[in-house]
């Protein structure tokens, strides 16, 4: 998949990385980075049966949102990953629903597979509508294996740890 080099985000990245699981205001009409798992050993498998890192997007609006053509990244000093826009049935977050993106560097497995991996040592997750406009972002510290972090309730500003991750479902 195409990538766009964005070294000019160094300044923004350094500011965002000082925040630990704090999010920016969302200008997306209800699209949030809602839950993530950066160290997946036994929790949840993708459609290939692999235990890959994942990020859950949540759409709190009453209209579906197609994320195809948007960008996602784990490090703003690297390339931004372009979410494929060739099949909206695979990249649309349903109204009041969820979409899982697998951070596994297995892009050939489909539109839900991102050409990045999350670091359990801590980093960020950034969702952009274009190469310069943030929809949502967060930074996180060291993560525990098979323990996810997510908003509770969904879409709120309150981040908590989940012993029982809930990819594709309401956080509880």
C-alpha atoms as a PDB file:
ATOM      1  CA  UNK A   1       0.000   0.000   0.000  1.00  0.00           C
ATOM      2  CA  UNK A   2       1.201   3.535  -0.618  1.00  0.00           C
ATOM      3  CA  UNK A   3       2.874   5.450   2.170  1.00  0.00           C
ATOM      4  CA  UNK A   4       3.512   9.170   2.464  1.00  0.00           C
ATOM      5  CA  UNK A   5       6.650  10.364   4.204  1.00  0.00           C
ATOM      6  CA  UNK A   6       5.819  13.013   6.837  1.00  0.00           C
ATOM      7  CA  UNK A   7       8.972  14.150   8.614  1.00  0.00           C
ATOM      8  CA  UNK A   8       7.427  17.557   9.182  1.00  0.00           C
ATOM      9  CA  UNK A   9       5.345  16.037  11.981  1.00  0.00           C
ATOM     10  CA  UNK A  10       8.364  15.811  14.294  1.00  0.00           C
ATOM     11  CA  UNK A  11       7.282  18.791  16.372  1.00  0.00           C
ATOM     12  CA  UNK A  12       3.670  17.651  16.695  1.00  0.00           C
ATOM     13  CA  UNK A  13       4.800  14.118  17.448  1.00  0.00           C
ATOM     14  CA  UNK A  14       7.040  15.193  20.300  1.00  0.00           C
ATOM     15  CA  UNK A  15       4.192  17.138  21.909  1.00  0.00           C
ATOM     16  CA  UNK A  16       1.742  14.255  21.562  1.00  0.00           C
ATOM     17  CA  UNK A  17       4.172  11.700  22.957  1.00  0.00           C
ATOM     18  CA  UNK A  18       4.281  13.551  26.283  1.00  0.00           C
ATOM     19  CA  UNK A  19       0.643  12.655  26.795  1.00  0.00           C
ATOM     20  CA  UNK A  20      -0.043   9.229  28.225  1.00  0.00           C
ATOM     21  CA  UNK A  21      -3.306   7.847  26.832  1.00  0.00           C
ATOM     22  CA  UNK A  22      -4.760  11.295  26.455  1.00  0.00           C
ATOM     23  CA  UNK A  23      -6.666  12.008  23.294  1.00  0.00           C
ATOM     24  CA  UNK A  24      -7.168  15.061  21.125  1.00  0.00           C
ATOM     25  CA  UNK A  25     -10.579  16.480  20.368  1.00  0.00           C
ATOM     26  CA  UNK A  26     -12.123  14.692  17.436  1.00  0.00           C
ATOM     27  CA  UNK A  27     -13.306  16.692  14.415  1.00  0.00           C
ATOM     28  CA  UNK A  28     -14.570  13.587  12.655  1.00  0.00           C
ATOM     29  CA  UNK A  29     -18.222  13.632  13.517  1.00  0.00           C
ATOM     30  CA  UNK A  30     -17.869  10.818  16.017  1.00  0.00           C
ATOM     31  CA  UNK A  31     -14.897   8.692  14.903  1.00  0.00           C
ATOM     32  CA  UNK A  32     -12.584   7.585  17.722  1.00  0.00           C
ATOM     33  CA  UNK A  33      -9.599   5.368  18.372  1.00  0.00           C
ATOM     34  CA  UNK A  34     -11.530   3.397  20.972  1.00  0.00           C
ATOM     35  CA  UNK A  35      -9.443   0.423  22.095  1.00  0.00           C
ATOM     36  CA  UNK A  36      -6.075  -1.132  21.249  1.00  0.00           C
ATOM     37  CA  UNK A  37      -3.917  -4.107  22.102  1.00  0.00           C
ATOM     38  CA  UNK A  38      -0.173  -3.675  21.543  1.00  0.00           C
ATOM     39  CA  UNK A  39       0.960  -7.086  22.846  1.00  0.00           C
ATOM     40  CA  UNK A  40      -1.350  -9.859  21.670  1.00  0.00           C
ATOM     41  CA  UNK A  41      -0.127 -13.365  22.512  1.00  0.00           C
ATOM     42  CA  UNK A  42      -3.344 -15.282  23.246  1.00  0.00           C
ATOM     43  CA  UNK A  43      -6.212 -12.803  23.238  1.00  0.00           C
ATOM     44  CA  UNK A  44      -7.742 -12.390  19.839  1.00  0.00           C
ATOM     45  CA  UNK A  45      -7.035 -13.707  16.354  1.00  0.00           C
ATOM     46  CA  UNK A  46      -7.472 -12.133  12.960  1.00  0.00           C
ATOM     47  CA  UNK A  47      -9.186 -13.998  10.106  1.00  0.00           C
ATOM     48  CA  UNK A  48      -5.907 -15.876   9.456  1.00  0.00           C
ATOM     49  CA  UNK A  49      -5.773 -17.184  13.042  1.00  0.00           C
ATOM     50  CA  UNK A  50      -2.828 -14.928  13.949  1.00  0.00           C
ATOM     51  CA  UNK A  51      -2.449 -13.073  17.260  1.00  0.00           C
ATOM     52  CA  UNK A  52      -1.643  -9.615  15.904  1.00  0.00           C
ATOM     53  CA  UNK A  53      -1.752  -6.186  17.506  1.00  0.00           C
ATOM     54  CA  UNK A  54      -4.950  -4.300  16.765  1.00  0.00           C
ATOM     55  CA  UNK A  55      -6.705  -0.944  16.999  1.00  0.00           C
ATOM     56  CA  UNK A  56     -10.459  -0.596  17.250  1.00  0.00           C
ATOM     57  CA  UNK A  57     -12.163   2.422  15.676  1.00  0.00           C
ATOM     58  CA  UNK A  58     -15.562   3.456  17.031  1.00  0.00           C
ATOM     59  CA  UNK A  59     -18.181   5.519  15.209  1.00  0.00           C
ATOM     60  CA  UNK A  60     -20.510   7.227  17.675  1.00  0.00           C
ATOM     61  CA  UNK A  61     -22.557   8.908  14.949  1.00  0.00           C
ATOM     62  CA  UNK A  62     -25.784   7.721  13.343  1.00  0.00           C
ATOM     63  CA  UNK A  63     -24.148   7.612   9.890  1.00  0.00           C
ATOM     64  CA  UNK A  64     -21.518   5.159   8.608  1.00  0.00           C
ATOM     65  CA  UNK A  65     -17.992   6.548   8.130  1.00  0.00           C
ATOM     66  CA  UNK A  66     -15.664   5.166   5.450  1.00  0.00           C
ATOM     67  CA  UNK A  67     -12.050   5.393   6.633  1.00  0.00           C
ATOM     68  CA  UNK A  68     -10.714   4.345   3.221  1.00  0.00           C
ATOM     69  CA  UNK A  69      -8.354   7.078   2.054  1.00  0.00           C
ATOM     70  CA  UNK A  70      -7.573   8.182   5.615  1.00  0.00           C
ATOM     71  CA  UNK A  71      -4.163   7.709   7.210  1.00  0.00           C
ATOM     72  CA  UNK A  72      -3.123   5.836  10.342  1.00  0.00           C
ATOM     73  CA  UNK A  73       0.307   5.689  11.952  1.00  0.00           C
ATOM     74  CA  UNK A  74       2.106   4.544  15.076  1.00  0.00           C
ATOM     75  CA  UNK A  75       4.945   7.037  14.713  1.00  0.00           C
ATOM     76  CA  UNK A  76       4.703  10.417  13.021  1.00  0.00           C
ATOM     77  CA  UNK A  77       8.429  10.355  12.297  1.00  0.00           C
ATOM     78  CA  UNK A  78       7.830   7.444   9.915  1.00  0.00           C
ATOM     79  CA  UNK A  79       5.538   7.165   6.938  1.00  0.00           C
ATOM     80  CA  UNK A  80       1.799   7.510   7.323  1.00  0.00           C
ATOM     81  CA  UNK A  81      -0.119   4.406   6.277  1.00  0.00           C
ATOM     82  CA  UNK A  82      -2.885   5.031   3.742  1.00  0.00           C
ATOM     83  CA  UNK A  83      -5.951   2.926   4.526  1.00  0.00           C
ATOM     84  CA  UNK A  84      -6.996   1.435   1.165  1.00  0.00           C
ATOM     85  CA  UNK A  85     -10.004   3.099  -0.432  1.00  0.00           C
ATOM     86  CA  UNK A  86     -10.696   0.408  -3.028  1.00  0.00           C
ATOM     87  CA  UNK A  87     -13.440  -1.445  -1.112  1.00  0.00           C
ATOM     88  CA  UNK A  88     -15.670   0.632   1.148  1.00  0.00           C
ATOM     89  CA  UNK A  89     -17.449  -2.493   2.412  1.00  0.00           C
ATOM     90  CA  UNK A  90     -14.204  -3.371   4.224  1.00  0.00           C
ATOM     91  CA  UNK A  91     -13.280   0.116   5.433  1.00  0.00           C
ATOM     92  CA  UNK A  92     -16.604   1.530   6.594  1.00  0.00           C
ATOM     93  CA  UNK A  93     -17.261   1.852  10.312  1.00  0.00           C
ATOM     94  CA  UNK A  94     -21.006   1.313  10.742  1.00  0.00           C
ATOM     95  CA  UNK A  95     -23.175   3.825  12.571  1.00  0.00           C
ATOM     96  CA  UNK A  96     -22.664   3.304  16.311  1.00  0.00           C
ATOM     97  CA  UNK A  97     -20.286   0.480  15.396  1.00  0.00           C
ATOM     98  CA  UNK A  98     -16.688  -0.691  15.287  1.00  0.00           C
ATOM     99  CA  UNK A  99     -13.914  -1.571  12.850  1.00  0.00           C
ATOM    100  CA  UNK A 100     -10.744  -3.484  13.769  1.00  0.00           C
ATOM    101  CA  UNK A 101      -7.444  -2.648  12.066  1.00  0.00           C
ATOM    102  CA  UNK A 102      -4.734  -5.278  12.524  1.00  0.00           C
ATOM    103  CA  UNK A 103      -1.242  -3.786  12.959  1.00  0.00           C
ATOM    104  CA  UNK A 104       0.641  -6.766  11.546  1.00  0.00           C
ATOM    105  CA  UNK A 105       2.558  -5.654   8.439  1.00  0.00           C
ATOM    106  CA  UNK A 106       0.489  -8.194   6.478  1.00  0.00           C
ATOM    107  CA  UNK A 107      -1.171  -5.803   4.035  1.00  0.00           C
ATOM    108  CA  UNK A 108      -1.685  -8.615   1.533  1.00  0.00           C
ATOM    109  CA  UNK A 109      -4.265 -10.077   3.967  1.00  0.00           C
ATOM    110  CA  UNK A 110      -6.718  -7.269   3.176  1.00  0.00           C
ATOM    111  CA  UNK A 111      -7.868  -3.749   3.915  1.00  0.00           C
ATOM    112  CA  UNK A 112      -8.010  -4.368   7.693  1.00  0.00           C
ATOM    113  CA  UNK A 113      -4.278  -5.097   7.840  1.00  0.00           C
ATOM    114  CA  UNK A 114      -1.950  -2.135   8.379  1.00  0.00           C
ATOM    115  CA  UNK A 115       1.680  -2.002   7.263  1.00  0.00           C
ATOM    116  CA  UNK A 116       2.806  -1.141  10.800  1.00  0.00           C
ATOM    117  CA  UNK A 117       3.200  -2.914  14.140  1.00  0.00           C
ATOM    118  CA  UNK A 118       2.502  -1.427  17.553  1.00  0.00           C
ATOM    119  CA  UNK A 119       5.254  -1.396  20.162  1.00  0.00           C
ATOM    120  CA  UNK A 120       4.423  -2.838  23.580  1.00  0.00           C
ATOM    121  CA  UNK A 121       7.150  -0.516  24.908  1.00  0.00           C
ATOM    122  CA  UNK A 122       4.874   2.448  24.186  1.00  0.00           C
ATOM    123  CA  UNK A 123       4.326   4.845  21.307  1.00  0.00           C
ATOM    124  CA  UNK A 124       1.339   6.524  19.686  1.00  0.00           C
ATOM    125  CA  UNK A 125      -1.618   5.864  17.443  1.00  0.00           C
ATOM    126  CA  UNK A 126      -2.657   8.611  15.043  1.00  0.00           C
ATOM    127  CA  UNK A 127      -5.704   8.732  12.758  1.00  0.00           C
ATOM    128  CA  UNK A 128      -5.743  11.483  10.130  1.00  0.00           C
ATOM    129  CA  UNK A 129      -8.381  12.394   7.543  1.00  0.00           C
ATOM    130  CA  UNK A 130      -5.628  13.550   5.187  1.00  0.00           C
ATOM    131  CA  UNK A 131      -1.878  13.822   5.565  1.00  0.00           C
ATOM    132  CA  UNK A 132      -2.123  16.824   7.931  1.00  0.00           C
ATOM    133  CA  UNK A 133      -5.529  16.768   9.686  1.00  0.00           C
ATOM    134  CA  UNK A 134      -5.830  14.768  12.903  1.00  0.00           C
ATOM    135  CA  UNK A 135      -9.085  12.987  13.661  1.00  0.00           C
ATOM    136  CA  UNK A 136      -7.904  11.327  16.856  1.00  0.00           C
ATOM    137  CA  UNK A 137      -4.620  10.390  18.506  1.00  0.00           C
ATOM    138  CA  UNK A 138      -3.167   9.024  21.682  1.00  0.00           C
ATOM    139  CA  UNK A 139       0.153   8.092  23.192  1.00  0.00           C
ATOM    140  CA  UNK A 140       0.663   5.140  25.488  1.00  0.00           C
ATOM    141  CA  UNK A 141       3.301   3.789  27.825  1.00  0.00           C
ATOM    142  CA  UNK A 142       4.481   0.193  28.218  1.00  0.00           C
ATOM    143  CA  UNK A 143       1.659  -2.305  27.696  1.00  0.00           C
ATOM    144  CA  UNK A 144       0.970  -5.668  29.322  1.00  0.00           C
ATOM    145  CA  UNK A 145       0.496  -8.767  27.188  1.00  0.00           C
ATOM    146  CA  UNK A 146      -3.159  -9.497  26.368  1.00  0.00           C
ATOM    147  CA  UNK A 147      -4.387  -6.461  28.346  1.00  0.00           C
ATOM    148  CA  UNK A 148      -6.003  -3.837  26.130  1.00  0.00           C
ATOM    149  CA  UNK A 149      -6.526  -0.127  26.756  1.00  0.00           C
ATOM    150  CA  UNK A 150      -9.765   1.513  25.778  1.00  0.00           C
ATOM    151  CA  UNK A 151     -12.242   4.271  26.337  1.00  0.00           C
ATOM    152  CA  UNK A 152     -14.909   3.580  28.922  1.00  0.00           C
ATOM    153  CA  UNK A 153     -17.596   4.128  28.018  1.00  0.00           C
ATOM    154  CA  UNK A 154     -16.997   3.978  24.248  1.00  0.00           C
ATOM    155  CA  UNK A 155     -15.964   7.334  22.770  1.00  0.00           C
ATOM    156  CA  UNK A 156     -15.383   8.997  26.160  1.00  0.00           C
ATOM    157  CA  UNK A 157     -12.198  10.683  27.378  1.00  0.00           C
ATOM    158  CA  UNK A 158     -11.731   8.043  30.107  1.00  0.00           C
ATOM    159  CA  UNK A 159      -9.044   5.431  29.260  1.00  0.00           C
ATOM    160  CA  UNK A 160      -8.901   2.178  31.249  1.00  0.00           C
ATOM    161  CA  UNK A 161      -7.193  -1.238  31.074  1.00  0.00           C
ATOM    162  CA  UNK A 162      -9.264  -4.247  30.023  1.00  0.00           C
ATOM    163  CA  UNK A 163      -8.274  -7.682  31.312  1.00  0.00           C
ATOM    164  CA  UNK A 164     -10.829  -9.035  28.848  1.00  0.00           C
ATOM    165  CA  UNK A 165     -10.420  -7.059  25.606  1.00  0.00           C
ATOM    166  CA  UNK A 166     -13.537  -6.422  23.535  1.00  0.00           C
ATOM    167  CA  UNK A 167     -12.474  -5.919  19.906  1.00  0.00           C
ATOM    168  CA  UNK A 168     -15.499  -5.087  17.752  1.00  0.00           C
ATOM    169  CA  UNK A 169     -17.848  -4.734  20.751  1.00  0.00           C
ATOM    170  CA  UNK A 170     -18.721  -2.240  23.467  1.00  0.00           C
ATOM    171  CA  UNK A 171     -15.993  -1.725  26.054  1.00  0.00           C
ATOM    172  CA  UNK A 172     -16.927  -3.147  29.458  1.00  0.00           C
END
